[in-house]
């Protein structure tokens, strides 16, 4: 990736905290825009960090259509297992709540 592409990748998600899974993986979702002659290339990137046991993470670059399809599949599977979750699991955080916000409080806008 070019240096300017890396700067754009960092800037697109600037200030947004990663999602942290129950196994400790940090997932960043960002945008990558690369200007090319004739048209601009845009991708949605997923950076899944290592787990607590230092198992390697992964990185993926998706076209907008691929990102939408992944989102559709994730939502469909989440709906399928949502009522069957273990009773001792914490409820999901609202998507606009920062991860460092204590539960039961809301972030000022």
Protein backbone atom coordinates (compact mmCIF):
# COMPACT_ATOMS: atom_id res chain seq x y z
CA UNK A 1 0.00 0.00 0.00
CA UNK A 2 1.27 3.46 -0.77
CA UNK A 3 2.11 5.88 1.99
CA UNK A 4 -0.76 8.19 0.95
CA UNK A 5 -3.14 5.21 1.01
CA UNK A 6 -2.04 4.36 4.54
CA UNK A 7 -2.66 7.98 5.63
CA UNK A 8 -6.16 7.87 4.13
CA UNK A 9 -6.85 4.55 5.87
CA UNK A 10 -5.80 5.96 9.25
CA UNK A 11 -7.75 9.19 8.74
CA UNK A 12 -11.02 7.51 7.71
CA UNK A 13 -11.50 5.89 11.12
CA UNK A 14 -9.71 8.52 13.15
CA UNK A 15 -11.11 8.81 16.65
CA UNK A 16 -13.27 5.71 16.44
CA UNK A 17 -12.52 3.07 19.04
CA UNK A 18 -12.25 -0.55 17.93
CA UNK A 19 -14.91 -3.08 18.77
CA UNK A 20 -13.54 -5.52 21.34
CA UNK A 21 -14.88 -9.07 21.23
CA UNK A 22 -15.49 -11.27 24.25
CA UNK A 23 -12.22 -13.10 23.49
CA UNK A 24 -10.28 -9.82 23.45
CA UNK A 25 -9.84 -9.28 19.72
CA UNK A 26 -9.95 -5.67 18.61
CA UNK A 27 -11.78 -5.12 15.33
CA UNK A 28 -11.31 -1.88 13.42
CA UNK A 29 -13.62 -1.05 10.51
CA UNK A 30 -12.33 1.71 8.27
CA UNK A 31 -12.50 3.15 4.78
CA UNK A 32 -9.67 3.16 2.26
CA UNK A 33 -9.83 5.55 -0.69
CA UNK A 34 -7.19 5.49 -3.38
CA UNK A 35 -7.33 8.09 -6.14
CA UNK A 36 -6.43 6.55 -9.48
CA UNK A 37 -6.52 8.05 -12.96
CA UNK A 38 -10.05 7.83 -14.26
CA UNK A 39 -11.80 6.76 -11.05
CA UNK A 40 -11.35 6.61 -7.32
CA UNK A 41 -11.04 3.18 -5.68
CA UNK A 42 -12.88 2.80 -2.38
CA UNK A 43 -12.75 -0.15 0.00
CA UNK A 44 -14.03 -1.01 3.46
CA UNK A 45 -11.30 -2.57 5.57
CA UNK A 46 -11.51 -4.92 8.52
CA UNK A 47 -8.51 -5.24 10.80
CA UNK A 48 -9.03 -8.07 13.28
CA UNK A 49 -6.25 -8.01 15.85
CA UNK A 50 -4.72 -10.94 17.71
CA UNK A 51 -6.66 -12.74 20.42
CA UNK A 52 -5.59 -12.87 24.07
CA UNK A 53 -3.33 -15.84 23.29
CA UNK A 54 -1.52 -13.80 20.63
CA UNK A 55 -3.06 -15.80 17.79
CA UNK A 56 -2.37 -13.74 14.68
CA UNK A 57 -4.99 -11.32 13.44
CA UNK A 58 -6.22 -10.80 9.89
CA UNK A 59 -6.84 -7.89 7.57
CA UNK A 60 -9.36 -7.75 4.74
CA UNK A 61 -10.25 -5.20 2.09
CA UNK A 62 -13.82 -5.37 0.75
CA UNK A 63 -15.56 -3.61 -2.10
CA UNK A 64 -18.67 -1.68 -1.05
CA UNK A 65 -20.87 -4.50 -2.40
CA UNK A 66 -18.87 -7.12 -0.50
CA UNK A 67 -19.11 -5.06 2.71
CA UNK A 68 -22.90 -4.82 2.32
CA UNK A 69 -23.16 -8.57 1.74
CA UNK A 70 -21.02 -9.28 4.80
CA UNK A 71 -23.20 -6.93 6.87
CA UNK A 72 -26.36 -8.68 5.61
CA UNK A 73 -24.96 -12.09 6.55
CA UNK A 74 -23.78 -10.92 9.98
CA UNK A 75 -27.19 -9.40 10.77
CA UNK A 76 -29.03 -12.52 9.58
CA UNK A 77 -26.88 -14.81 11.74
CA UNK A 78 -27.07 -12.46 14.73
CA UNK A 79 -30.87 -12.49 14.49
CA UNK A 80 -30.81 -16.28 14.35
CA UNK A 81 -28.83 -16.70 17.57
CA UNK A 82 -29.87 -13.59 19.52
CA UNK A 83 -32.60 -15.14 21.68
CA UNK A 84 -30.49 -18.27 22.31
CA UNK A 85 -27.57 -16.47 23.96
CA UNK A 86 -26.38 -17.57 27.40
CA UNK A 87 -28.21 -15.74 30.23
CA UNK A 88 -24.93 -14.65 31.85
CA UNK A 89 -23.75 -12.78 28.74
CA UNK A 90 -23.80 -8.99 28.85
CA UNK A 91 -26.23 -7.27 26.53
CA UNK A 92 -24.78 -5.78 23.38
CA UNK A 93 -23.75 -2.15 23.54
CA UNK A 94 -25.56 0.33 21.30
CA UNK A 95 -23.49 0.90 18.17
CA UNK A 96 -22.94 4.56 18.99
CA UNK A 97 -21.71 4.02 22.56
CA UNK A 98 -17.97 4.25 23.04
CA UNK A 99 -16.40 1.11 24.44
CA UNK A 100 -15.00 3.00 27.44
CA UNK A 101 -18.48 4.23 28.47
CA UNK A 102 -19.72 2.45 31.62
CA UNK A 103 -22.85 0.36 31.10
CA UNK A 104 -26.08 2.11 32.00
CA UNK A 105 -24.80 5.51 30.96
CA UNK A 106 -25.05 7.30 27.66
CA UNK A 107 -22.54 9.43 25.89
CA UNK A 108 -23.24 13.15 25.62
CA UNK A 109 -23.65 14.31 22.04
